[in-house]
N, C-alpha and C. Protein backbone atom coordinates (compact mmCIF):
# COMPACT_ATOMS: atom_id res chain seq x y z
N UNK A 1 0.85 -1.18 0.00
CA UNK A 1 0.00 0.00 0.00
C UNK A 1 0.90 1.25 0.00
N UNK A 2 0.58 2.17 -0.86
CA UNK A 2 1.39 3.38 -0.89
C UNK A 2 0.92 4.39 0.15
N UNK A 3 1.71 5.42 0.31
CA UNK A 3 1.46 6.41 1.37
C UNK A 3 0.11 7.12 1.20
N UNK A 4 -0.24 7.52 -0.02
CA UNK A 4 -1.48 8.25 -0.23
C UNK A 4 -2.70 7.37 0.06
N UNK A 5 -2.60 6.09 -0.26
CA UNK A 5 -3.71 5.17 0.02
C UNK A 5 -3.90 5.01 1.53
N UNK A 6 -2.80 4.89 2.26
CA UNK A 6 -2.87 4.77 3.72
C UNK A 6 -3.45 6.04 4.33
N UNK A 7 -3.06 7.20 3.80
CA UNK A 7 -3.59 8.46 4.31
C UNK A 7 -5.10 8.55 4.04
N UNK A 8 -5.51 8.10 2.86
CA UNK A 8 -6.94 8.14 2.52
C UNK A 8 -7.74 7.25 3.45
N UNK A 9 -7.22 6.08 3.75
CA UNK A 9 -7.92 5.18 4.68
C UNK A 9 -8.04 5.81 6.06
N UNK A 10 -6.96 6.40 6.51
CA UNK A 10 -6.98 7.05 7.82
C UNK A 10 -7.97 8.21 7.84
N UNK A 11 -8.01 8.98 6.78
CA UNK A 11 -8.96 10.09 6.69
C UNK A 11 -10.39 9.58 6.72
N UNK A 12 -10.68 8.53 5.98
CA UNK A 12 -12.04 7.94 6.00
C UNK A 12 -12.41 7.45 7.39
N UNK A 13 -11.45 6.86 8.07
CA UNK A 13 -11.70 6.36 9.42
C UNK A 13 -12.04 7.53 10.37
N UNK A 14 -11.25 8.62 10.28
CA UNK A 14 -11.52 9.79 11.12
C UNK A 14 -12.87 10.42 10.79
N UNK A 15 -13.18 10.50 9.50
CA UNK A 15 -14.46 11.08 9.09
C UNK A 15 -15.64 10.25 9.58
N UNK A 16 -15.50 8.93 9.50
CA UNK A 16 -16.56 8.04 9.98
C UNK A 16 -16.77 8.24 11.48
N UNK A 17 -15.69 8.31 12.23
CA UNK A 17 -15.79 8.52 13.67
C UNK A 17 -16.42 9.88 13.97
N UNK A 18 -16.04 10.90 13.24
CA UNK A 18 -16.61 12.24 13.45
C UNK A 18 -18.10 12.25 13.16
N UNK A 19 -18.53 11.54 12.12
CA UNK A 19 -19.97 11.45 11.80
C UNK A 19 -20.73 10.75 12.92
N UNK A 20 -20.14 9.67 13.44
CA UNK A 20 -20.79 8.96 14.55
C UNK A 20 -20.96 9.86 15.76
N UNK A 21 -19.90 10.59 16.09
CA UNK A 21 -19.95 11.49 17.25
C UNK A 21 -20.97 12.60 17.04
N UNK A 22 -20.99 13.17 15.83
CA UNK A 22 -21.96 14.23 15.53
C UNK A 22 -23.38 13.70 15.62
N UNK A 23 -23.61 12.52 15.07
CA UNK A 23 -24.94 11.92 15.10
C UNK A 23 -25.39 11.69 16.54
N UNK A 24 -24.53 11.18 17.38
CA UNK A 24 -24.87 10.94 18.78
C UNK A 24 -25.16 12.25 19.50
N UNK A 25 -24.35 13.27 19.23
CA UNK A 25 -24.56 14.58 19.86
C UNK A 25 -25.90 15.18 19.43
N UNK A 26 -26.22 15.09 18.14
CA UNK A 26 -27.49 15.62 17.65
C UNK A 26 -28.68 14.84 18.23
N UNK A 27 -28.53 13.52 18.37
CA UNK A 27 -29.60 12.71 18.94
C UNK A 27 -29.84 13.12 20.39
N UNK A 28 -28.76 13.32 21.15
CA UNK A 28 -28.89 13.72 22.55
C UNK A 28 -29.53 15.11 22.67
N UNK A 29 -29.15 16.03 21.80
CA UNK A 29 -29.74 17.38 21.81
C UNK A 29 -31.22 17.33 21.48
N UNK A 30 -31.60 16.52 20.50
CA UNK A 30 -32.99 16.39 20.13
C UNK A 30 -33.80 15.80 21.28
N UNK A 31 -33.25 14.79 21.93
CA UNK A 31 -33.93 14.17 23.06
C UNK A 31 -34.14 15.18 24.19
N UNK A 32 -33.12 15.99 24.47
CA UNK A 32 -33.23 17.00 25.52
C UNK A 32 -34.28 18.06 25.17
N UNK A 33 -34.32 18.46 23.91
CA UNK A 33 -35.30 19.45 23.46
C UNK A 33 -36.71 18.90 23.59
N UNK A 34 -36.91 17.68 23.16
CA UNK A 34 -38.23 17.05 23.26
C UNK A 34 -38.66 16.94 24.71
N UNK A 35 -37.75 16.55 25.59
CA UNK A 35 -38.10 16.44 27.01
C UNK A 35 -38.47 17.80 27.60
N UNK A 36 -37.76 18.85 27.20
CA UNK A 36 -38.08 20.19 27.69
C UNK A 36 -39.46 20.63 27.21
N UNK A 37 -39.77 20.35 25.96
CA UNK A 37 -41.10 20.71 25.43
C UNK A 37 -42.20 19.92 26.12
N UNK A 38 -41.95 18.68 26.43
CA UNK A 38 -42.94 17.88 27.17
C UNK A 38 -43.19 18.45 28.55
N UNK A 39 -42.14 18.95 29.19
CA UNK A 39 -42.30 19.55 30.51
C UNK A 39 -43.15 20.81 30.41
N UNK A 40 -42.94 21.61 29.39
CA UNK A 40 -43.77 22.80 29.20
C UNK A 40 -45.22 22.40 28.99
N UNK A 41 -45.43 21.39 28.16
CA UNK A 41 -46.79 20.94 27.86
C UNK A 41 -47.51 20.47 29.12
N UNK A 42 -46.77 19.86 30.04
CA UNK A 42 -47.39 19.30 31.24
C UNK A 42 -47.38 20.25 32.44
N UNK A 43 -46.77 21.40 32.28
CA UNK A 43 -46.67 22.35 33.38
C UNK A 43 -48.00 23.08 33.56
N UNK A 44 -48.61 22.94 34.73
CA UNK A 44 -49.90 23.62 34.95
C UNK A 44 -49.78 25.14 34.99
N UNK A 45 -48.57 25.66 35.20
CA UNK A 45 -48.38 27.11 35.25
C UNK A 45 -48.11 27.69 33.86
N UNK A 46 -47.90 26.85 32.87
CA UNK A 46 -47.64 27.35 31.52
C UNK A 46 -48.93 27.94 30.94
N UNK A 47 -48.79 29.00 30.18
CA UNK A 47 -49.96 29.62 29.55
C UNK A 47 -50.45 28.74 28.41
N UNK A 48 -51.70 28.91 28.01
CA UNK A 48 -52.20 28.14 26.87
C UNK A 48 -51.36 28.36 25.60
N UNK A 49 -50.87 29.58 25.41
CA UNK A 49 -50.03 29.87 24.25
C UNK A 49 -48.71 29.12 24.30
N UNK A 50 -48.11 29.06 25.49
CA UNK A 50 -46.86 28.31 25.64
C UNK A 50 -47.08 26.83 25.38
N UNK A 51 -48.17 26.31 25.91
CA UNK A 51 -48.47 24.90 25.69
C UNK A 51 -48.72 24.60 24.22
N UNK A 52 -49.43 25.50 23.55
CA UNK A 52 -49.71 25.32 22.14
C UNK A 52 -48.42 25.30 21.32
N UNK A 53 -47.54 26.24 21.60
CA UNK A 53 -46.26 26.28 20.88
C UNK A 53 -45.44 25.02 21.16
N UNK A 54 -45.44 24.57 22.41
CA UNK A 54 -44.70 23.35 22.76
C UNK A 54 -45.26 22.15 22.00
N UNK A 55 -46.58 22.06 21.92
CA UNK A 55 -47.21 20.95 21.21
C UNK A 55 -46.89 21.01 19.72
N UNK A 56 -46.95 22.20 19.14
CA UNK A 56 -46.61 22.36 17.72
C UNK A 56 -45.19 21.88 17.43
N UNK A 57 -44.26 22.31 18.28
CA UNK A 57 -42.87 21.92 18.09
C UNK A 57 -42.67 20.42 18.33
N UNK A 58 -43.37 19.88 19.31
CA UNK A 58 -43.27 18.43 19.56
C UNK A 58 -43.74 17.63 18.35
N UNK A 59 -44.84 18.05 17.79
CA UNK A 59 -45.36 17.35 16.61
C UNK A 59 -44.34 17.42 15.48
N UNK A 60 -43.77 18.58 15.30
CA UNK A 60 -42.78 18.75 14.23
C UNK A 60 -41.53 17.91 14.49
N UNK A 61 -41.01 17.96 15.71
CA UNK A 61 -39.78 17.26 16.04
C UNK A 61 -39.95 15.74 16.10
N UNK A 62 -41.10 15.31 16.55
CA UNK A 62 -41.33 13.87 16.66
C UNK A 62 -41.83 13.28 15.35
N UNK A 63 -42.00 14.12 14.33
CA UNK A 63 -42.50 13.61 13.06
C UNK A 63 -43.92 13.12 13.19
N UNK A 64 -44.71 13.85 13.94
CA UNK A 64 -46.06 13.44 14.23
C UNK A 64 -46.95 13.30 13.00
N UNK A 65 -47.90 12.41 13.10
CA UNK A 65 -48.84 12.17 12.02
C UNK A 65 -50.02 13.12 12.10
N UNK A 66 -50.12 13.90 13.16
CA UNK A 66 -51.27 14.75 13.37
C UNK A 66 -51.45 15.78 12.28
N UNK A 67 -50.35 16.31 11.77
CA UNK A 67 -50.42 17.33 10.74
C UNK A 67 -50.73 16.79 9.35
N UNK A 68 -50.83 15.50 9.20
CA UNK A 68 -51.04 14.91 7.88
C UNK A 68 -52.51 14.83 7.50
N UNK A 69 -53.38 15.09 8.44
CA UNK A 69 -54.82 14.92 8.15
C UNK A 69 -55.50 16.23 7.87
């Protein structure tokens, strides 16, 4: 194997690892956002407008089927 081929393999390996880390970070952020919106939705002190916005965003983020009808 020549030097450029070895470098390309190493670059692909690093890129794959970076994609995995980014995907995990984005998944964790999405989960945290969804949990925060659920808390707003269930908070008795939240205004109806806040609850409505939280529900709208939850439907959008969770890929809800509610908007399809």
